[in-house]
PDB file of N, CA and C in Angstrom:
ATOM      1  N   MET A   1     -19.940 -68.033  97.044  1.00  0.00           N
ATOM      2  CA  MET A   1     -18.550 -67.936  96.674  1.00  0.00           C
ATOM      3  C   MET A   1     -18.067 -69.336  96.296  1.00  0.00           C
ATOM      4  N   THR A   2     -17.301 -69.404  95.254  1.00  0.00           N
ATOM      5  CA  THR A   2     -16.810 -70.696  94.784  1.00  0.00           C
ATOM      6  C   THR A   2     -15.351 -70.897  95.211  1.00  0.00           C
ATOM      7  N   PRO A   3     -14.905 -72.155  95.226  1.00  0.00           N
ATOM      8  CA  PRO A   3     -13.489 -72.400  95.525  1.00  0.00           C
ATOM      9  C   PRO A   3     -12.564 -71.658  94.557  1.00  0.00           C
ATOM     10  N   HIS A   4     -12.966 -71.598  93.296  1.00  0.00           N
ATOM     11  CA  HIS A   4     -12.137 -70.887  92.308  1.00  0.00           C
ATOM     12  C   HIS A   4     -11.998 -69.403  92.672  1.00  0.00           C
ATOM     13  N   GLU A   5     -13.096 -68.791  93.106  1.00  0.00           N
ATOM     14  CA  GLU A   5     -13.037 -67.369  93.498  1.00  0.00           C
ATOM     15  C   GLU A   5     -12.101 -67.163  94.678  1.00  0.00           C
ATOM     16  N   VAL A   6     -12.126 -68.086  95.616  1.00  0.00           N
ATOM     17  CA  VAL A   6     -11.228 -67.977  96.769  1.00  0.00           C
ATOM     18  C   VAL A   6      -9.777 -68.112  96.324  1.00  0.00           C
ATOM     19  N   ARG A   7      -9.521 -69.112  95.466  1.00  0.00           N
ATOM     20  CA  ARG A   7      -8.145 -69.364  95.022  1.00  0.00           C
ATOM     21  C   ARG A   7      -7.564 -68.194  94.219  1.00  0.00           C
ATOM     22  N   THR A   8      -8.394 -67.553  93.426  1.00  0.00           N
ATOM     23  CA  THR A   8      -7.880 -66.553  92.486  1.00  0.00           C
ATOM     24  C   THR A   8      -8.057 -65.109  92.958  1.00  0.00           C
ATOM     25  N   ARG A   9      -8.615 -64.926  94.128  1.00  0.00           N
ATOM     26  CA  ARG A   9      -8.819 -63.567  94.653  1.00  0.00           C
ATOM     27  C   ARG A   9      -7.482 -62.852  94.794  1.00  0.00           C
ATOM     28  N   GLU A  10      -7.424 -61.636  94.299  1.00  0.00           N
ATOM     29  CA  GLU A  10      -6.217 -60.815  94.385  1.00  0.00           C
ATOM     30  C   GLU A  10      -6.467 -59.698  95.398  1.00  0.00           C
ATOM     31  N   PHE A  11      -5.434 -59.319  96.092  1.00  0.00           N
ATOM     32  CA  PHE A  11      -5.526 -58.239  97.070  1.00  0.00           C
ATOM     33  C   PHE A  11      -4.507 -57.167  96.722  1.00  0.00           C
ATOM     34  N   ALA A  12      -4.873 -55.935  96.965  1.00  0.00           N
ATOM     35  CA  ALA A  12      -3.972 -54.818  96.685  1.00  0.00           C
ATOM     36  C   ALA A  12      -2.779 -54.875  97.640  1.00  0.00           C
ATOM     37  N   ALA A  13      -1.607 -54.560  97.110  1.00  0.00           N
ATOM     38  CA  ALA A  13      -0.394 -54.547  97.926  1.00  0.00           C
ATOM     39  C   ALA A  13      -0.405 -53.325  98.840  1.00  0.00           C
ATOM     40  N   ARG A  14      -0.001 -53.546 100.053  1.00  0.00           N
ATOM     41  CA  ARG A  14       0.083 -52.460 101.032  1.00  0.00           C
ATOM     42  C   ARG A  14       1.434 -52.554 101.744  1.00  0.00           C
ATOM     43  N   ARG A  15       1.872 -51.451 102.184  1.00  0.00           N
ATOM     44  CA  ARG A  15       3.101 -51.429 102.958  1.00  0.00           C
ATOM     45  C   ARG A  15       2.870 -52.214 104.240  1.00  0.00           C
ATOM     46  N   ARG A  16       3.840 -53.023 104.605  1.00  0.00           N
ATOM     47  CA  ARG A  16       3.748 -53.892 105.781  1.00  0.00           C
ATOM     48  C   ARG A  16       2.562 -54.850 105.680  1.00  0.00           C
ATOM     49  N   GLY A  17       2.281 -55.290 104.478  1.00  0.00           N
ATOM     50  CA  GLY A  17       1.157 -56.198 104.258  1.00  0.00           C
ATOM     51  C   GLY A  17       1.490 -57.626 104.653  1.00  0.00           C
ATOM     52  N   PHE A  18       0.660 -58.521 104.211  1.00  0.00           N
ATOM     53  CA  PHE A  18       0.818 -59.926 104.520  1.00  0.00           C
ATOM     54  C   PHE A  18       1.761 -60.590 103.525  1.00  0.00           C
ATOM     55  N   ASP A  19       2.330 -61.709 103.934  1.00  0.00           N
ATOM     56  CA  ASP A  19       3.192 -62.499 103.060  1.00  0.00           C
ATOM     57  C   ASP A  19       2.312 -63.121 101.972  1.00  0.00           C
ATOM     58  N   PRO A  20       2.563 -62.784 100.708  1.00  0.00           N
ATOM     59  CA  PRO A  20       1.718 -63.294  99.616  1.00  0.00           C
ATOM     60  C   PRO A  20       1.674 -64.821  99.559  1.00  0.00           C
ATOM     61  N   ASP A  21       2.777 -65.487  99.875  1.00  0.00           N
ATOM     62  CA  ASP A  21       2.788 -66.952  99.853  1.00  0.00           C
ATOM     63  C   ASP A  21       1.866 -67.522 100.937  1.00  0.00           C
ATOM     64  N   GLU A  22       1.884 -66.909 102.107  1.00  0.00           N
ATOM     65  CA  GLU A  22       1.000 -67.363 103.184  1.00  0.00           C
ATOM     66  C   GLU A  22      -0.470 -67.134 102.817  1.00  0.00           C
ATOM     67  N   VAL A  23      -0.738 -66.008 102.189  1.00  0.00           N
ATOM     68  CA  VAL A  23      -2.110 -65.709 101.770  1.00  0.00           C
ATOM     69  C   VAL A  23      -2.568 -66.744 100.749  1.00  0.00           C
ATOM     70  N   ARG A  24      -1.729 -67.041  99.753  1.00  0.00           N
ATOM     71  CA  ARG A  24      -2.094 -68.038  98.745  1.00  0.00           C
ATOM     72  C   ARG A  24      -2.287 -69.427  99.355  1.00  0.00           C
ATOM     73  N   GLU A  25      -1.433 -69.783 100.302  1.00  0.00           N
ATOM     74  CA  GLU A  25      -1.574 -71.078 100.979  1.00  0.00           C
ATOM     75  C   GLU A  25      -2.898 -71.142 101.738  1.00  0.00           C
ATOM     76  N   PHE A  26      -3.208 -70.057 102.434  1.00  0.00           N
ATOM     77  CA  PHE A  26      -4.482 -70.011 103.162  1.00  0.00           C
ATOM     78  C   PHE A  26      -5.661 -70.082 102.189  1.00  0.00           C
ATOM     79  N   GLN A  27      -5.583 -69.336 101.095  1.00  0.00           N
ATOM     80  CA  GLN A  27      -6.647 -69.362 100.092  1.00  0.00           C
ATOM     81  C   GLN A  27      -6.842 -70.784  99.561  1.00  0.00           C
ATOM     82  N   ALA A  28      -5.757 -71.478  99.315  1.00  0.00           N
ATOM     83  CA  ALA A  28      -5.853 -72.848  98.798  1.00  0.00           C
ATOM     84  C   ALA A  28      -6.552 -73.751  99.815  1.00  0.00           C
ATOM     85  N   ARG A  29      -6.195 -73.616 101.091  1.00  0.00           N
ATOM     86  CA  ARG A  29      -6.840 -74.443 102.119  1.00  0.00           C
ATOM     87  C   ARG A  29      -8.318 -74.118 102.252  1.00  0.00           C
ATOM     88  N   VAL A  30      -8.651 -72.839 102.233  1.00  0.00           N
ATOM     89  CA  VAL A  30     -10.059 -72.433 102.328  1.00  0.00           C
ATOM     90  C   VAL A  30     -10.838 -72.922 101.110  1.00  0.00           C
ATOM     91  N   ALA A  31     -10.244 -72.793  99.942  1.00  0.00           N
ATOM     92  CA  ALA A  31     -10.904 -73.245  98.715  1.00  0.00           C
ATOM     93  C   ALA A  31     -11.125 -74.755  98.748  1.00  0.00           C
ATOM     94  N   ASP A  32     -10.139 -75.521  99.215  1.00  0.00           N
ATOM     95  CA  ASP A  32     -10.303 -76.974  99.317  1.00  0.00           C
ATOM     96  C   ASP A  32     -11.423 -77.339 100.283  1.00  0.00           C
ATOM     97  N   GLU A  33     -11.467 -76.656 101.404  1.00  0.00           N
ATOM     98  CA  GLU A  33     -12.520 -76.915 102.393  1.00  0.00           C
ATOM     99  C   GLU A  33     -13.889 -76.536 101.825  1.00  0.00           C
ATOM    100  N   LEU A  34     -13.959 -75.425 101.122  1.00  0.00           N
ATOM    101  CA  LEU A  34     -15.208 -74.997 100.503  1.00  0.00           C
ATOM    102  C   LEU A  34     -15.668 -76.012  99.457  1.00  0.00           C
ATOM    103  N   ALA A  35     -14.744 -76.524  98.670  1.00  0.00           N
ATOM    104  CA  ALA A  35     -15.083 -77.536  97.673  1.00  0.00           C
ATOM    105  C   ALA A  35     -15.617 -78.798  98.357  1.00  0.00           C
ATOM    106  N   ALA A  36     -14.977 -79.225  99.438  1.00  0.00           N
ATOM    107  CA  ALA A  36     -15.437 -80.411 100.174  1.00  0.00           C
ATOM    108  C   ALA A  36     -16.828 -80.185 100.761  1.00  0.00           C
ATOM    109  N   LEU A  37     -17.057 -79.011 101.302  1.00  0.00           N
ATOM    110  CA  LEU A  37     -18.373 -78.698 101.866  1.00  0.00           C
ATOM    111  C   LEU A  37     -19.438 -78.647 100.778  1.00  0.00           C
ATOM    112  N   ASN A  38     -19.109 -78.056  99.633  1.00  0.00           N
ATOM    113  CA  ASN A  38     -20.062 -78.022  98.522  1.00  0.00           C
ATOM    114  C   ASN A  38     -20.420 -79.428  98.074  1.00  0.00           C
ATOM    115  N   GLU A  39     -19.445 -80.319  98.018  1.00  0.00           N
ATOM    116  CA  GLU A  39     -19.693 -81.706  97.622  1.00  0.00           C
ATOM    117  C   GLU A  39     -20.565 -82.412  98.665  1.00  0.00           C
ATOM    118  N   ALA A  40     -20.289 -82.169  99.942  1.00  0.00           N
ATOM    119  CA  ALA A  40     -21.097 -82.770 101.005  1.00  0.00           C
ATOM    120  C   ALA A  40     -22.548 -82.288 100.917  1.00  0.00           C
ATOM    121  N   VAL A  41     -22.746 -81.011 100.660  1.00  0.00           N
ATOM    122  CA  VAL A  41     -24.102 -80.469 100.515  1.00  0.00           C
ATOM    123  C   VAL A  41     -24.800 -81.111  99.318  1.00  0.00           C
ATOM    124  N   ARG A  42     -24.081 -81.273  98.217  1.00  0.00           N
ATOM    125  CA  ARG A  42     -24.658 -81.897  97.024  1.00  0.00           C
ATOM    126  C   ARG A  42     -25.091 -83.333  97.318  1.00  0.00           C
ATOM    127  N   LEU A  43     -24.221 -84.088  97.971  1.00  0.00           N
ATOM    128  CA  LEU A  43     -24.547 -85.480  98.290  1.00  0.00           C
ATOM    129  C   LEU A  43     -25.702 -85.574  99.287  1.00  0.00           C
ATOM    130  N   LEU A  44     -25.708 -84.709 100.283  1.00  0.00           N
ATOM    131  CA  LEU A  44     -26.795 -84.708 101.256  1.00  0.00           C
ATOM    132  C   LEU A  44     -28.119 -84.310 100.616  1.00  0.00           C
ATOM    133  N   SER A  45     -28.067 -83.391  99.677  1.00  0.00           N
ATOM    134  CA  SER A  45     -29.278 -82.993  98.967  1.00  0.00           C
ATOM    135  C   SER A  45     -29.832 -84.155  98.153  1.00  0.00           C
ATOM    136  N   GLN A  46     -28.948 -84.897  97.498  1.00  0.00           N
ATOM    137  CA  GLN A  46     -29.386 -86.081  96.754  1.00  0.00           C
ATOM    138  C   GLN A  46     -29.999 -87.116  97.690  1.00  0.00           C
ATOM    139  N   GLU A  47     -29.357 -87.344  98.826  1.00  0.00           N
ATOM    140  CA  GLU A  47     -29.874 -88.310  99.800  1.00  0.00           C
ATOM    141  C   GLU A  47     -31.218 -87.848 100.349  1.00  0.00           C
ATOM    142  N   ASN A  48     -31.342 -86.566 100.602  1.00  0.00           N
ATOM    143  CA  ASN A  48     -32.604 -86.008 101.087  1.00  0.00           C
ATOM    144  C   ASN A  48     -33.718 -86.234 100.067  1.00  0.00           C
ATOM    145  N   ASP A  49     -33.426 -85.987  98.806  1.00  0.00           N
ATOM    146  CA  ASP A  49     -34.417 -86.220  97.748  1.00  0.00           C
ATOM    147  C   ASP A  49     -34.810 -87.696  97.692  1.00  0.00           C
ATOM    148  N   ARG A  50     -33.826 -88.584  97.797  1.00  0.00           N
ATOM    149  CA  ARG A  50     -34.103 -90.020  97.766  1.00  0.00           C
ATOM    150  C   ARG A  50     -34.998 -90.431  98.938  1.00  0.00           C
ATOM    151  N   ILE A  51     -34.708 -89.917 100.120  1.00  0.00           N
ATOM    152  CA  ILE A  51     -35.510 -90.251 101.302  1.00  0.00           C
ATOM    153  C   ILE A  51     -36.923 -89.703 101.169  1.00  0.00           C
ATOM    154  N   LYS A  52     -37.064 -88.497 100.643  1.00  0.00           N
ATOM    155  CA  LYS A  52     -38.402 -87.930 100.439  1.00  0.00           C
ATOM    156  C   LYS A  52     -39.219 -88.782  99.476  1.00  0.00           C
ATOM    157  N   ARG A  53     -38.572 -89.223  98.374  1.00  0.00           N
ATOM    158  CA  ARG A  53     -39.283 -90.088  97.425  1.00  0.00           C
ATOM    159  C   ARG A  53     -39.683 -91.408  98.077  1.00  0.00           C
ATOM    160  N   ALA A  54     -38.785 -91.987  98.857  1.00  0.00           N
ATOM    161  CA  ALA A  54     -39.084 -93.247  99.530  1.00  0.00           C
ATOM    162  C   ALA A  54     -40.231 -93.072 100.520  1.00  0.00           C
ATOM    163  N   LEU A  55     -40.246 -91.953 101.235  1.00  0.00           N
ATOM    164  CA  LEU A  55     -41.325 -91.694 102.181  1.00  0.00           C
ATOM    165  C   LEU A  55     -42.656 -91.521 101.454  1.00  0.00           C
ATOM    166  N   ARG A  56     -42.664 -90.778 100.348  1.00  0.00           N
ATOM    167  CA  ARG A  56     -43.898 -90.619  99.575  1.00  0.00           C
ATOM    168  C   ARG A  56     -44.391 -91.969  99.058  1.00  0.00           C
ATOM    169  N   ASP A  57     -43.462 -92.783  98.565  1.00  0.00           N
ATOM    170  CA  ASP A  57     -43.839 -94.115  98.081  1.00  0.00           C
ATOM    171  C   ASP A  57     -44.428 -94.958  99.208  1.00  0.00           C
ATOM    172  N   TRP A  58     -43.788 -94.912 100.368  1.00  0.00           N
ATOM    173  CA  TRP A  58     -44.272 -95.679 101.517  1.00  0.00           C
ATOM    174  C   TRP A  58     -45.654 -95.183 101.943  1.00  0.00           C
ATOM    175  N   GLN A  59     -45.835 -93.860 101.995  1.00  0.00           N
ATOM    176  CA  GLN A  59     -47.128 -93.307 102.395  1.00  0.00           C
ATOM    177  C   GLN A  59     -48.224 -93.724 101.419  1.00  0.00           C
ATOM    178  N   THR A  60     -47.910 -93.702 100.132  1.00  0.00           N
ATOM    179  CA  THR A  60     -48.885 -94.116  99.122  1.00  0.00           C
ATOM    180  C   THR A  60     -49.246 -95.584  99.310  1.00  0.00           C
ATOM    181  N   MET A  61     -48.246 -96.422  99.486  1.00  0.00           N
ATOM    182  CA  MET A  61     -48.480 -97.848  99.682  1.00  0.00           C
ATOM    183  C   MET A  61     -49.280 -98.095 100.971  1.00  0.00           C
ATOM    184  N   HIS A  62     -48.893 -97.419 102.027  1.00  0.00           N
ATOM    185  CA  HIS A  62     -49.561 -97.595 103.313  1.00  0.00           C
ATOM    186  C   HIS A  62     -51.018 -97.124 103.251  1.00  0.00           C
ATOM    187  N   ALA A  63     -51.253 -96.016 102.552  1.00  0.00           N
ATOM    188  CA  ALA A  63     -52.622 -95.496 102.432  1.00  0.00           C
ATOM    189  C   ALA A  63     -53.503 -96.495 101.690  1.00  0.00           C
ATOM    190  N   ARG A  64     -52.970 -97.158 100.668  1.00  0.00           N
ATOM    191  CA  ARG A  64     -53.746 -98.168  99.938  1.00  0.00           C
ATOM    192  C   ARG A  64     -54.069 -99.355 100.827  1.00  0.00           C
ATOM    193  N   GLU A  65     -53.106 -99.765 101.634  1.00  0.00           N
ATOM    194  CA  GLU A  65     -53.301-100.925 102.508  1.00  0.00           C
ATOM    195  C   GLU A  65     -54.279-100.642 103.637  1.00  0.00           C
ATOM    196  N   CYS A  66     -54.397 -99.390 104.045  1.00  0.00           N
ATOM    197  CA  CYS A  66     -55.223 -99.026 105.197  1.00  0.00           C
ATOM    198  C   CYS A  66     -56.616 -98.545 104.824  1.00  0.00           C
ATOM    199  N   ARG A  67     -56.988 -98.620 103.573  1.00  0.00           N
ATOM    200  CA  ARG A  67     -58.336 -98.192 103.182  1.00  0.00           C
ATOM    201  C   ARG A  67     -59.361 -99.103 103.841  1.00  0.00           C
ATOM    202  N   PRO A  68     -60.458 -98.529 104.281  1.00  0.00           N
ATOM    203  CA  PRO A  68     -61.488 -99.332 104.950  1.00  0.00           C
ATOM    204  C   PRO A  68     -62.215-100.223 103.955  1.00  0.00           C
ATOM    205  N   PRO A  69     -62.704-101.351 104.431  1.00  0.00           N
ATOM    206  CA  PRO A  69     -63.546-102.181 103.560  1.00  0.00           C
ATOM    207  C   PRO A  69     -64.778-101.384 103.138  1.00  0.00           C
ATOM    208  N   GLN A  70     -65.330-101.682 101.972  1.00  0.00           N
ATOM    209  CA  GLN A  70     -66.469-100.941 101.434  1.00  0.00           C
ATOM    210  C   GLN A  70     -67.662-100.926 102.384  1.00  0.00           C
ATOM    211  N   GLU A  71     -67.962-102.028 103.060  1.00  0.00           N
ATOM    212  CA  GLU A  71     -69.164-102.066 103.893  1.00  0.00           C
ATOM    213  C   GLU A  71     -69.090-101.106 105.082  1.00  0.00           C
ATOM    214  N   TYR A  72     -67.898-100.704 105.497  1.00  0.00           N
ATOM    215  CA  TYR A  72     -67.767 -99.766 106.613  1.00  0.00           C
ATOM    216  C   TYR A  72     -67.659 -98.323 106.139  1.00  0.00           C
ATOM    217  N   HIS A  73     -67.656 -98.096 104.877  1.00  0.00           N
ATOM    218  CA  HIS A  73     -67.398 -96.787 104.326  1.00  0.00           C
ATOM    219  C   HIS A  73     -68.590 -95.838 104.432  1.00  0.00           C
ATOM    220  N   HIS A  74     -69.790 -96.334 104.658  1.00  0.00           N
ATOM    221  CA  HIS A  74     -70.986 -95.507 104.637  1.00  0.00           C
ATOM    222  C   HIS A  74     -71.184 -94.710 105.935  1.00  0.00           C
ATOM    223  N   ASN A  75     -70.682 -93.514 105.975  1.00  0.00           N
ATOM    224  CA  ASN A  75     -70.920 -92.531 107.039  1.00  0.00           C
ATOM    225  C   ASN A  75     -70.879 -93.081 108.453  1.00  0.00           C
ATOM    226  N   SER A  76     -70.152 -94.132 108.714  1.00  0.00           N
ATOM    227  CA  SER A  76     -70.092 -94.677 110.080  1.00  0.00           C
ATOM    228  C   SER A  76     -69.073 -93.924 110.914  1.00  0.00           C
ATOM    229  N   GLY A  77     -68.177 -93.170 110.260  1.00  0.00           N
ATOM    230  CA  GLY A  77     -67.161 -92.450 110.994  1.00  0.00           C
ATOM    231  C   GLY A  77     -65.999 -93.338 111.380  1.00  0.00           C
ATOM    232  N   HIS A  78     -66.031 -94.594 111.018  1.00  0.00           N
ATOM    233  CA  HIS A  78     -64.950 -95.525 111.324  1.00  0.00           C
ATOM    234  C   HIS A  78     -64.276 -95.944 110.038  1.00  0.00           C
ATOM    235  N   TRP A  79     -63.099 -96.447 110.174  1.00  0.00           N
ATOM    236  CA  TRP A  79     -62.374 -97.000 109.029  1.00  0.00           C
ATOM    237  C   TRP A  79     -63.047 -98.275 108.709  1.00  0.00           C
TER     238      TRP A  79
END
């Protein structure tokens, strides 16, 4: 559901229903909160992607640095 859908949602009129102004005010607050949450999720997703890339880069760099010297590589079972 998008903030726009919340803001523009219409409800059928009923006898003894809710105050339309209060409903619209509530919809506006919910839509604003939904928009803020969507933005937070977007930013966190970007940060998550950045951290994953940094971790992959670090792992690649670390793996290169930790390779065993050639003379120990022959089936000794050690690095």
